[in-house]
Protein backbone atom coordinates (compact mmCIF):
# COMPACT_ATOMS: atom_id res chain seq x y z
CA UNK A 1 52.93 7.54 -46.78
CA UNK A 2 54.54 4.32 -47.99
CA UNK A 3 56.62 2.27 -45.57
CA UNK A 4 59.73 3.15 -47.62
CA UNK A 5 59.63 6.59 -46.11
CA UNK A 6 57.93 6.44 -42.70
CA UNK A 7 60.96 5.80 -40.46
CA UNK A 8 63.26 8.15 -42.33
CA UNK A 9 60.59 10.85 -42.31
CA UNK A 10 60.38 10.62 -38.53
CA UNK A 11 64.18 10.54 -38.18
CA UNK A 12 64.56 13.78 -40.14
CA UNK A 13 61.95 15.62 -38.12
CA UNK A 14 59.01 15.28 -40.53
CA UNK A 15 60.80 17.42 -43.13
CA UNK A 16 59.10 16.52 -46.43
CA UNK A 17 61.46 18.63 -48.54
CA UNK A 18 64.47 16.84 -47.09
CA UNK A 19 62.79 13.46 -47.56
CA UNK A 20 62.16 14.23 -51.22
CA UNK A 21 65.77 15.34 -51.63
CA UNK A 22 67.08 12.14 -50.01
CA UNK A 23 64.87 10.05 -52.29
CA UNK A 24 66.23 11.96 -55.31
CA UNK A 25 69.77 11.32 -54.08
CA UNK A 26 69.07 7.61 -53.85
CA UNK A 27 67.61 7.62 -57.35
CA UNK A 28 70.79 9.30 -58.63
CA UNK A 29 72.98 6.73 -56.90
CA UNK A 30 70.87 3.94 -58.38
CA UNK A 31 71.02 5.26 -61.95
CA UNK A 32 74.76 5.96 -61.62
CA UNK A 33 75.38 2.43 -60.35
CA UNK A 34 73.01 -0.06 -61.97
CA UNK A 35 74.70 -0.20 -65.39
CA UNK A 36 78.10 -0.55 -63.72
CA UNK A 37 76.72 -3.42 -61.69
CA UNK A 38 75.23 -5.13 -64.74
CA UNK A 39 78.50 -4.79 -66.65
CA UNK A 40 80.50 -6.08 -63.70
CA UNK A 41 78.24 -9.13 -63.50
CA UNK A 42 78.60 -9.80 -67.23
CA UNK A 43 82.38 -9.40 -67.08
CA UNK A 44 82.77 -11.32 -63.80
CA UNK A 45 84.43 -8.22 -62.35
CA UNK A 46 84.05 -9.33 -58.75
CA UNK A 47 85.64 -6.26 -57.20
CA UNK A 48 83.23 -3.91 -58.99
CA UNK A 49 80.31 -6.21 -58.19
CA UNK A 50 81.20 -6.09 -54.51
CA UNK A 51 81.77 -2.34 -54.32
CA UNK A 52 78.79 -1.30 -56.44
CA UNK A 53 76.38 -3.66 -54.69
CA UNK A 54 77.69 -2.42 -51.33
CA UNK A 55 77.08 1.19 -52.38
CA UNK A 56 73.52 0.42 -53.50
CA UNK A 57 72.81 -1.58 -50.37
CA UNK A 58 74.02 1.24 -48.15
CA UNK A 59 71.94 3.82 -49.97
CA UNK A 60 68.84 1.63 -49.83
CA UNK A 61 69.16 1.11 -46.08
CA UNK A 62 67.98 4.68 -45.57
CA UNK A 63 64.64 3.46 -46.84
CA UNK A 64 62.65 0.43 -45.84
CA UNK A 65 63.59 -1.72 -48.83
CA UNK A 66 64.43 -5.17 -47.46
CA UNK A 67 64.05 -7.06 -50.76
CA UNK A 68 66.28 -4.56 -52.59
CA UNK A 69 68.85 -4.58 -49.78
CA UNK A 70 68.88 -8.37 -49.60
CA UNK A 71 69.44 -8.72 -53.35
CA UNK A 72 72.31 -6.20 -53.33
CA UNK A 73 73.82 -7.94 -50.32
CA UNK A 74 73.76 -11.27 -52.18
CA UNK A 75 75.59 -9.72 -55.12
CA UNK A 76 78.03 -8.10 -52.72
CA UNK A 77 78.86 -11.49 -51.18
CA UNK A 78 79.14 -13.12 -54.60
CA UNK A 79 81.65 -10.42 -55.55
CA UNK A 80 83.59 -10.75 -52.30
CA UNK A 81 83.80 -14.52 -52.54
CA UNK A 82 84.29 -14.55 -56.33
CA UNK A 83 81.51 -17.04 -56.77
CA UNK A 84 80.23 -18.07 -60.17
CA UNK A 85 76.64 -17.65 -59.04
CA UNK A 86 73.60 -16.60 -61.05
CA UNK A 87 73.46 -12.90 -60.25
CA UNK A 88 71.07 -12.10 -63.10
CA UNK A 89 68.09 -13.01 -60.93
CA UNK A 90 69.26 -10.59 -58.25
CA UNK A 91 69.65 -7.79 -60.80
CA UNK A 92 66.05 -8.37 -61.87
CA UNK A 93 64.90 -8.17 -58.25
CA UNK A 94 66.82 -4.92 -57.74
CA UNK A 95 65.31 -3.37 -60.86
CA UNK A 96 61.78 -4.48 -59.95
CA UNK A 97 62.05 -3.14 -56.41
CA UNK A 98 63.50 0.14 -57.63
CA UNK A 99 60.57 0.62 -60.03
CA UNK A 100 58.22 0.28 -57.04
CA UNK A 101 60.31 2.81 -55.13
CA UNK A 102 60.16 5.26 -58.05
CA UNK A 103 56.37 5.07 -58.13
CA UNK A 104 56.20 5.86 -54.43
CA UNK A 105 58.68 8.73 -54.88
CA UNK A 106 56.35 10.27 -57.43
CA UNK A 107 53.54 10.02 -54.86
CA UNK A 108 55.62 11.88 -52.25
CA UNK A 109 55.41 15.17 -54.04
CA UNK A 110 51.65 14.97 -54.61
């Protein structure tokens, strides 16, 4: 089992069905949020950047995804502080890390 899931799996009493459901929930949150985040970055909508990044960060903290969480946290702070920072690189990191997560999710049900 990938490190994304080990701690959560133990916390939920080794319930594989629940783990798969939680991973699906995170995937839903991601897909519901990533386009909003990209648009907020493009439009310099700092409030939406902050809130959407915060939501993604919180959801990712259920899993061991430090690179994903760190990138969302950086965007969150950029949004809070209304900084004109290069957030595009953080979006790329988030997308790359999520693709890795998706692959491991597919392996969960095998």
